[in-house]
N, C-alpha and C. Protein backbone atom coordinates (compact mmCIF):
# COMPACT_ATOMS: atom_id res chain seq x y z
N MET A 1 91.50 87.85 20.62
CA MET A 1 90.99 86.74 21.40
C MET A 1 90.76 87.22 22.83
N PRO A 2 89.57 87.00 23.35
CA PRO A 2 89.31 87.44 24.72
C PRO A 2 90.05 86.58 25.75
N THR A 3 90.25 87.16 26.90
CA THR A 3 90.84 86.43 28.03
C THR A 3 89.79 86.36 29.13
N ILE A 4 89.51 85.15 29.57
CA ILE A 4 88.49 84.90 30.58
C ILE A 4 89.16 84.34 31.83
N GLY A 5 88.88 84.97 32.96
CA GLY A 5 89.38 84.48 34.23
C GLY A 5 88.35 83.56 34.89
N ILE A 6 88.83 82.51 35.50
CA ILE A 6 87.99 81.58 36.25
C ILE A 6 88.56 81.51 37.65
N ALA A 7 87.76 81.94 38.63
CA ALA A 7 88.19 81.87 40.04
C ALA A 7 87.23 80.92 40.76
N ASP A 8 87.79 79.90 41.40
CA ASP A 8 86.94 78.96 42.14
C ASP A 8 87.59 78.65 43.48
N THR A 9 86.92 77.79 44.26
CA THR A 9 87.36 77.54 45.63
C THR A 9 87.56 76.07 45.93
N THR A 10 88.38 75.82 46.94
CA THR A 10 88.54 74.44 47.43
C THR A 10 87.42 74.05 48.38
N PHE A 11 86.69 75.03 48.94
CA PHE A 11 85.61 74.74 49.87
C PHE A 11 84.41 74.10 49.18
N ALA A 12 84.20 74.44 47.91
CA ALA A 12 83.07 73.87 47.17
C ALA A 12 83.19 72.35 47.15
N ARG A 13 82.05 71.70 47.18
CA ARG A 13 82.02 70.24 47.20
C ARG A 13 81.97 69.64 45.80
N TYR A 14 82.11 70.48 44.79
CA TYR A 14 82.11 70.04 43.40
C TYR A 14 83.06 70.96 42.64
N ASN A 15 83.72 70.44 41.62
CA ASN A 15 84.70 71.21 40.87
C ASN A 15 83.98 72.10 39.85
N MET A 16 83.45 73.20 40.36
CA MET A 16 82.70 74.13 39.53
C MET A 16 83.58 74.77 38.47
N GLY A 17 84.83 75.04 38.80
CA GLY A 17 85.75 75.64 37.83
C GLY A 17 85.95 74.76 36.62
N ALA A 18 86.10 73.45 36.84
CA ALA A 18 86.29 72.52 35.73
C ALA A 18 85.06 72.49 34.83
N ALA A 19 83.87 72.53 35.42
CA ALA A 19 82.64 72.54 34.61
C ALA A 19 82.57 73.80 33.76
N ALA A 20 82.88 74.96 34.36
CA ALA A 20 82.85 76.22 33.61
C ALA A 20 83.89 76.20 32.49
N ILE A 21 85.09 75.72 32.78
CA ILE A 21 86.14 75.67 31.77
C ILE A 21 85.76 74.76 30.62
N ASP A 22 85.19 73.60 30.93
CA ASP A 22 84.76 72.68 29.87
C ASP A 22 83.73 73.35 28.97
N GLU A 23 82.79 74.04 29.58
CA GLU A 23 81.75 74.73 28.81
C GLU A 23 82.36 75.84 27.96
N LEU A 24 83.27 76.61 28.53
CA LEU A 24 83.92 77.69 27.79
C LEU A 24 84.73 77.15 26.62
N LYS A 25 85.50 76.09 26.86
CA LYS A 25 86.32 75.51 25.78
C LYS A 25 85.47 75.02 24.63
N ASN A 26 84.26 74.57 24.92
CA ASN A 26 83.36 74.08 23.87
C ASN A 26 82.55 75.19 23.21
N SER A 27 82.70 76.43 23.68
CA SER A 27 81.83 77.51 23.21
C SER A 27 82.54 78.72 22.63
N ILE A 28 83.81 78.90 22.97
CA ILE A 28 84.49 80.13 22.56
C ILE A 28 85.99 79.87 22.44
N SER A 29 86.60 80.57 21.50
CA SER A 29 88.06 80.56 21.40
C SER A 29 88.56 81.72 22.27
N ALA A 30 89.13 81.37 23.41
CA ALA A 30 89.57 82.38 24.36
C ALA A 30 90.74 81.84 25.16
N LYS A 31 91.52 82.76 25.69
CA LYS A 31 92.55 82.40 26.65
C LYS A 31 91.87 82.27 28.01
N LEU A 32 92.05 81.15 28.67
CA LEU A 32 91.44 80.91 29.97
C LEU A 32 92.53 80.89 31.04
N ILE A 33 92.30 81.64 32.10
CA ILE A 33 93.25 81.68 33.22
C ILE A 33 92.48 81.35 34.49
N ARG A 34 92.91 80.28 35.15
CA ARG A 34 92.20 79.81 36.34
C ARG A 34 93.05 80.04 37.58
N VAL A 35 92.37 80.45 38.64
CA VAL A 35 92.99 80.53 39.96
C VAL A 35 92.01 79.93 40.95
N THR A 36 92.53 79.16 41.89
CA THR A 36 91.71 78.52 42.92
C THR A 36 92.14 79.03 44.28
N VAL A 37 91.16 79.42 45.08
CA VAL A 37 91.41 79.98 46.41
C VAL A 37 90.65 79.14 47.44
N PRO A 38 90.94 79.32 48.73
CA PRO A 38 90.28 78.49 49.74
C PRO A 38 88.75 78.64 49.79
N GLY A 39 88.24 79.86 49.89
CA GLY A 39 86.81 80.02 50.08
C GLY A 39 86.25 81.23 49.38
N ILE A 40 84.93 81.43 49.54
CA ILE A 40 84.26 82.48 48.79
C ILE A 40 84.72 83.89 49.15
N LYS A 41 85.15 84.10 50.38
CA LYS A 41 85.61 85.45 50.74
C LYS A 41 86.96 85.78 50.10
N ASP A 42 87.61 84.79 49.51
CA ASP A 42 88.86 85.01 48.78
C ASP A 42 88.61 85.32 47.31
N LEU A 43 87.38 85.12 46.85
CA LEU A 43 87.08 85.33 45.43
C LEU A 43 87.19 86.78 44.97
N PRO A 44 86.79 87.78 45.77
CA PRO A 44 86.89 89.15 45.26
C PRO A 44 88.31 89.56 44.87
N VAL A 45 89.28 89.32 45.72
CA VAL A 45 90.64 89.73 45.37
C VAL A 45 91.21 88.86 44.26
N ALA A 46 90.87 87.58 44.25
CA ALA A 46 91.34 86.71 43.16
C ALA A 46 90.79 87.20 41.83
N SER A 47 89.52 87.58 41.82
CA SER A 47 88.89 88.08 40.60
C SER A 47 89.50 89.41 40.16
N LYS A 48 89.70 90.30 41.11
CA LYS A 48 90.29 91.60 40.80
C LYS A 48 91.70 91.44 40.24
N LYS A 49 92.47 90.53 40.82
CA LYS A 49 93.82 90.28 40.31
C LYS A 49 93.79 89.70 38.89
N LEU A 50 92.82 88.84 38.61
CA LEU A 50 92.68 88.31 37.25
C LEU A 50 92.39 89.44 36.27
N LEU A 51 91.53 90.36 36.66
CA LEU A 51 91.19 91.47 35.78
C LEU A 51 92.35 92.43 35.59
N GLU A 52 93.03 92.77 36.68
CA GLU A 52 94.08 93.80 36.60
C GLU A 52 95.46 93.24 36.24
N GLU A 53 95.85 92.15 36.86
CA GLU A 53 97.20 91.64 36.64
C GLU A 53 97.31 90.69 35.46
N GLN A 54 96.21 90.00 35.15
CA GLN A 54 96.22 89.06 34.02
C GLN A 54 95.46 89.60 32.82
N ASN A 55 94.95 90.83 32.95
CA ASN A 55 94.25 91.51 31.86
C ASN A 55 93.06 90.73 31.30
N CYS A 56 92.34 90.06 32.18
CA CYS A 56 91.14 89.35 31.75
C CYS A 56 90.07 90.34 31.34
N ASP A 57 89.28 89.96 30.37
CA ASP A 57 88.17 90.79 29.91
C ASP A 57 86.95 90.63 30.82
N ILE A 58 86.82 89.48 31.43
CA ILE A 58 85.70 89.14 32.30
C ILE A 58 86.16 87.99 33.19
N VAL A 59 85.53 87.86 34.35
CA VAL A 59 85.85 86.76 35.27
C VAL A 59 84.55 86.08 35.67
N ILE A 60 84.62 84.78 35.82
CA ILE A 60 83.53 84.01 36.40
C ILE A 60 84.04 83.50 37.75
N ALA A 61 83.35 83.88 38.82
CA ALA A 61 83.75 83.54 40.19
C ALA A 61 82.77 82.51 40.74
N LEU A 62 83.27 81.32 41.05
CA LEU A 62 82.42 80.20 41.43
C LEU A 62 82.72 79.75 42.85
N GLY A 63 81.65 79.54 43.62
CA GLY A 63 81.86 79.08 44.98
C GLY A 63 80.60 78.51 45.61
N MET A 64 80.79 77.87 46.74
CA MET A 64 79.69 77.24 47.45
C MET A 64 79.66 77.70 48.89
N PRO A 65 78.77 78.63 49.22
CA PRO A 65 78.59 78.96 50.63
C PRO A 65 77.95 77.77 51.35
N GLY A 66 78.32 77.60 52.59
CA GLY A 66 77.73 76.53 53.39
C GLY A 66 76.30 76.84 53.77
N LYS A 67 75.71 75.98 54.61
CA LYS A 67 74.30 76.13 54.96
C LYS A 67 74.05 76.75 56.33
N GLN A 68 75.09 77.03 57.07
CA GLN A 68 74.92 77.60 58.40
C GLN A 68 74.66 79.11 58.31
N PRO A 69 74.01 79.68 59.32
CA PRO A 69 73.74 81.13 59.28
C PRO A 69 74.99 81.98 59.04
N GLN A 70 76.11 81.62 59.65
CA GLN A 70 77.33 82.41 59.43
C GLN A 70 77.83 82.29 57.99
N ASP A 71 77.51 81.16 57.32
CA ASP A 71 77.89 81.01 55.92
C ASP A 71 77.10 81.97 55.03
N LYS A 72 75.85 82.22 55.40
CA LYS A 72 75.03 83.18 54.65
C LYS A 72 75.63 84.59 54.77
N ILE A 73 76.13 84.91 55.96
CA ILE A 73 76.78 86.21 56.16
C ILE A 73 78.05 86.28 55.32
N CYS A 74 78.83 85.22 55.33
CA CYS A 74 80.06 85.19 54.52
C CYS A 74 79.76 85.34 53.04
N ALA A 75 78.66 84.71 52.58
CA ALA A 75 78.27 84.82 51.17
C ALA A 75 77.93 86.27 50.83
N HIS A 76 77.22 86.93 51.73
CA HIS A 76 76.87 88.34 51.52
C HIS A 76 78.13 89.20 51.45
N GLU A 77 79.06 88.95 52.37
CA GLU A 77 80.32 89.71 52.36
C GLU A 77 81.10 89.47 51.07
N ALA A 78 81.14 88.22 50.63
CA ALA A 78 81.85 87.90 49.39
C ALA A 78 81.19 88.60 48.20
N SER A 79 79.86 88.60 48.18
CA SER A 79 79.14 89.27 47.10
C SER A 79 79.45 90.77 47.09
N GLN A 80 79.48 91.37 48.27
CA GLN A 80 79.81 92.79 48.37
C GLN A 80 81.22 93.04 47.83
N GLY A 81 82.16 92.17 48.17
CA GLY A 81 83.53 92.31 47.67
C GLY A 81 83.60 92.16 46.17
N ILE A 82 82.85 91.23 45.62
CA ILE A 82 82.83 91.04 44.16
C ILE A 82 82.26 92.28 43.49
N MET A 83 81.19 92.84 44.05
CA MET A 83 80.62 94.07 43.48
C MET A 83 81.62 95.22 43.53
N MET A 84 82.33 95.33 44.65
CA MET A 84 83.34 96.40 44.76
C MET A 84 84.45 96.20 43.73
N ALA A 85 84.89 94.97 43.53
CA ALA A 85 85.93 94.70 42.54
C ALA A 85 85.46 95.06 41.14
N GLN A 86 84.20 94.81 40.84
CA GLN A 86 83.67 95.20 39.53
C GLN A 86 83.70 96.71 39.35
N LEU A 87 83.27 97.41 40.37
CA LEU A 87 83.24 98.88 40.29
C LEU A 87 84.65 99.46 40.21
N MET A 88 85.60 98.83 40.88
CA MET A 88 86.98 99.33 40.87
C MET A 88 87.67 99.09 39.53
N THR A 89 87.21 98.06 38.79
CA THR A 89 87.88 97.70 37.54
C THR A 89 87.06 98.03 36.30
N ASN A 90 85.78 98.36 36.49
CA ASN A 90 84.87 98.60 35.36
C ASN A 90 84.76 97.37 34.45
N LYS A 91 84.86 96.19 35.04
CA LYS A 91 84.71 94.95 34.29
C LYS A 91 83.79 94.02 35.07
N HIS A 92 83.14 93.13 34.33
CA HIS A 92 82.20 92.21 34.94
C HIS A 92 82.88 91.03 35.62
N ILE A 93 82.35 90.67 36.76
CA ILE A 93 82.68 89.43 37.45
C ILE A 93 81.34 88.72 37.64
N ILE A 94 81.17 87.61 36.97
CA ILE A 94 79.92 86.87 37.06
C ILE A 94 80.00 85.96 38.29
N GLU A 95 79.20 86.30 39.28
CA GLU A 95 79.20 85.54 40.54
C GLU A 95 78.32 84.31 40.39
N VAL A 96 78.90 83.16 40.68
CA VAL A 96 78.17 81.90 40.57
C VAL A 96 78.29 81.19 41.92
N PHE A 97 77.31 81.41 42.76
CA PHE A 97 77.26 80.76 44.06
C PHE A 97 76.15 79.72 44.07
N VAL A 98 76.44 78.59 44.65
CA VAL A 98 75.43 77.56 44.92
C VAL A 98 75.49 77.31 46.42
N HIS A 99 74.44 77.70 47.11
CA HIS A 99 74.40 77.50 48.56
C HIS A 99 74.18 76.01 48.85
N GLU A 100 74.88 75.54 49.85
CA GLU A 100 74.84 74.11 50.16
C GLU A 100 73.42 73.61 50.46
N ASP A 101 72.54 74.47 50.90
CA ASP A 101 71.18 74.04 51.22
C ASP A 101 70.20 74.23 50.05
N GLU A 102 70.70 74.54 48.86
CA GLU A 102 69.82 74.69 47.70
C GLU A 102 69.32 73.35 47.16
N GLY A 103 70.10 72.31 47.36
CA GLY A 103 69.70 71.00 46.87
C GLY A 103 69.04 70.19 47.96
N LYS A 104 68.06 69.38 47.59
CA LYS A 104 67.37 68.55 48.59
C LYS A 104 68.23 67.38 49.04
N ASP A 105 69.24 67.01 48.23
CA ASP A 105 70.18 65.95 48.59
C ASP A 105 71.47 66.19 47.80
N ASP A 106 72.48 65.36 48.04
CA ASP A 106 73.78 65.55 47.39
C ASP A 106 73.68 65.43 45.87
N GLN A 107 72.84 64.56 45.38
CA GLN A 107 72.70 64.38 43.93
C GLN A 107 72.15 65.65 43.27
N GLU A 108 71.12 66.23 43.89
CA GLU A 108 70.56 67.46 43.33
C GLU A 108 71.54 68.62 43.46
N LEU A 109 72.28 68.66 44.57
CA LEU A 109 73.28 69.71 44.76
C LEU A 109 74.37 69.61 43.69
N LYS A 110 74.84 68.42 43.42
CA LYS A 110 75.86 68.21 42.38
C LYS A 110 75.33 68.65 41.02
N PHE A 111 74.10 68.25 40.71
CA PHE A 111 73.47 68.66 39.45
C PHE A 111 73.42 70.18 39.34
N LEU A 112 72.99 70.82 40.41
CA LEU A 112 72.86 72.27 40.41
C LEU A 112 74.21 72.95 40.23
N MET A 113 75.23 72.46 40.90
CA MET A 113 76.56 73.06 40.79
C MET A 113 77.10 72.93 39.36
N GLU A 114 76.89 71.79 38.75
CA GLU A 114 77.31 71.56 37.37
C GLU A 114 76.55 72.48 36.42
N GLN A 115 75.23 72.46 36.52
CA GLN A 115 74.40 73.23 35.59
C GLN A 115 74.59 74.73 35.74
N ARG A 116 74.61 75.21 36.96
CA ARG A 116 74.76 76.65 37.17
C ARG A 116 76.12 77.13 36.64
N SER A 117 77.16 76.33 36.87
CA SER A 117 78.49 76.69 36.37
C SER A 117 78.49 76.77 34.86
N ARG A 118 77.90 75.78 34.21
CA ARG A 118 77.86 75.75 32.74
C ARG A 118 76.98 76.86 32.17
N GLU A 119 75.82 77.08 32.77
CA GLU A 119 74.92 78.09 32.23
C GLU A 119 75.48 79.50 32.41
N HIS A 120 76.16 79.74 33.51
CA HIS A 120 76.79 81.05 33.67
C HIS A 120 78.01 81.19 32.75
N ALA A 121 78.69 80.10 32.46
CA ALA A 121 79.77 80.16 31.46
C ALA A 121 79.19 80.59 30.12
N GLN A 122 78.01 80.10 29.79
CA GLN A 122 77.34 80.53 28.55
C GLN A 122 76.98 82.01 28.61
N ASN A 123 76.61 82.50 29.80
CA ASN A 123 76.34 83.94 29.94
C ASN A 123 77.60 84.75 29.67
N VAL A 124 78.74 84.26 30.13
CA VAL A 124 80.01 84.93 29.86
C VAL A 124 80.25 85.01 28.35
N VAL A 125 80.02 83.90 27.66
CA VAL A 125 80.21 83.88 26.21
C VAL A 125 79.28 84.89 25.54
N LYS A 126 78.03 84.91 25.96
CA LYS A 126 77.08 85.86 25.37
C LYS A 126 77.51 87.30 25.64
N MET A 127 77.94 87.57 26.86
CA MET A 127 78.34 88.94 27.19
C MET A 127 79.53 89.39 26.36
N LEU A 128 80.43 88.47 26.05
CA LEU A 128 81.62 88.82 25.27
C LEU A 128 81.37 88.87 23.77
N THR A 129 80.54 87.98 23.27
CA THR A 129 80.43 87.82 21.82
C THR A 129 79.07 88.16 21.24
N ARG A 130 78.00 88.05 22.03
CA ARG A 130 76.65 88.29 21.52
C ARG A 130 75.81 89.05 22.54
N PRO A 131 76.22 90.27 22.87
CA PRO A 131 75.44 91.01 23.88
C PRO A 131 73.99 91.23 23.47
N GLU A 132 73.72 91.23 22.18
CA GLU A 132 72.33 91.37 21.73
C GLU A 132 71.47 90.19 22.18
N LYS A 133 72.08 89.03 22.36
CA LYS A 133 71.37 87.85 22.85
C LYS A 133 70.90 88.08 24.29
N MET A 134 71.72 88.73 25.08
CA MET A 134 71.31 89.05 26.46
C MET A 134 70.10 89.98 26.43
N ILE A 135 70.09 90.94 25.51
CA ILE A 135 68.96 91.86 25.39
C ILE A 135 67.70 91.08 25.00
N GLN A 136 67.83 90.15 24.07
CA GLN A 136 66.68 89.35 23.64
C GLN A 136 66.12 88.51 24.79
N GLU A 137 66.95 88.13 25.75
CA GLU A 137 66.52 87.30 26.88
C GLU A 137 66.01 88.12 28.07
N ALA A 138 66.09 89.44 27.96
CA ALA A 138 65.63 90.29 29.06
C ALA A 138 64.16 90.00 29.38
N GLY A 139 63.87 89.85 30.66
CA GLY A 139 62.50 89.64 31.10
C GLY A 139 61.93 88.27 30.82
N THR A 140 62.76 87.30 30.48
CA THR A 140 62.25 85.97 30.12
C THR A 140 62.35 84.96 31.27
N GLY A 141 62.78 85.40 32.44
CA GLY A 141 62.80 84.50 33.59
C GLY A 141 63.90 83.46 33.55
N GLN A 142 65.03 83.81 32.97
CA GLN A 142 66.15 82.87 32.89
C GLN A 142 66.64 82.51 34.29
N ARG A 143 66.85 81.23 34.55
CA ARG A 143 67.39 80.75 35.82
C ARG A 143 68.53 79.79 35.52
N GLU A 144 69.65 79.98 36.18
CA GLU A 144 70.80 79.11 35.96
C GLU A 144 70.77 77.98 36.99
N GLY A 145 70.75 76.77 36.49
CA GLY A 145 70.76 75.60 37.36
C GLY A 145 69.46 74.86 37.32
N PHE A 146 68.38 75.49 37.74
CA PHE A 146 67.07 74.88 37.72
C PHE A 146 66.30 75.38 36.50
N ALA A 147 65.07 74.94 36.34
CA ALA A 147 64.25 75.35 35.20
C ALA A 147 64.02 76.86 35.23
N ASP A 148 63.93 77.43 34.03
CA ASP A 148 63.63 78.86 33.93
C ASP A 148 62.23 79.14 34.47
N ALA A 149 62.04 80.35 34.97
CA ALA A 149 60.71 80.79 35.38
C ALA A 149 59.98 81.31 34.15
N ASN A 150 58.69 81.28 34.18
CA ASN A 150 57.92 81.80 33.04
C ASN A 150 57.90 83.32 33.09
N PRO A 151 58.05 83.96 31.93
CA PRO A 151 57.92 85.43 31.93
C PRO A 151 56.48 85.83 32.21
N LEU A 152 56.31 87.01 32.72
CA LEU A 152 54.95 87.51 33.01
C LEU A 152 54.33 88.09 31.76
């Protein structure tokens, strides 16, 4: 049975971790381990600890960068940390960020946070159980949250 880590934040304005967990529970038989940290810059170490100390096979890291210019910098730093943690552990951490300015209003932002969390949870399931499905979807313009783009 695989072990999946879920790392999320208190800064997010929606419970992205709960959405991902609900999707995972409905899609795969796995041990789920959740940790919640204050913000996105805390996600890299939380994810690395899930991989190394809790022996997770994969982690989904969920967070919401704010809309201010400094928040964009923090998101970049967090992404760099997540990439470093992946390279240090040789395991995937699926980064799921929804920037606060991605939605035109709170309703659309909530929808996007829910959908992106669930769709990336499905990516985790595919990566663990059906990697050939990921290959079949290569180049198809898959987008998590909003409508898929058309392939060229």
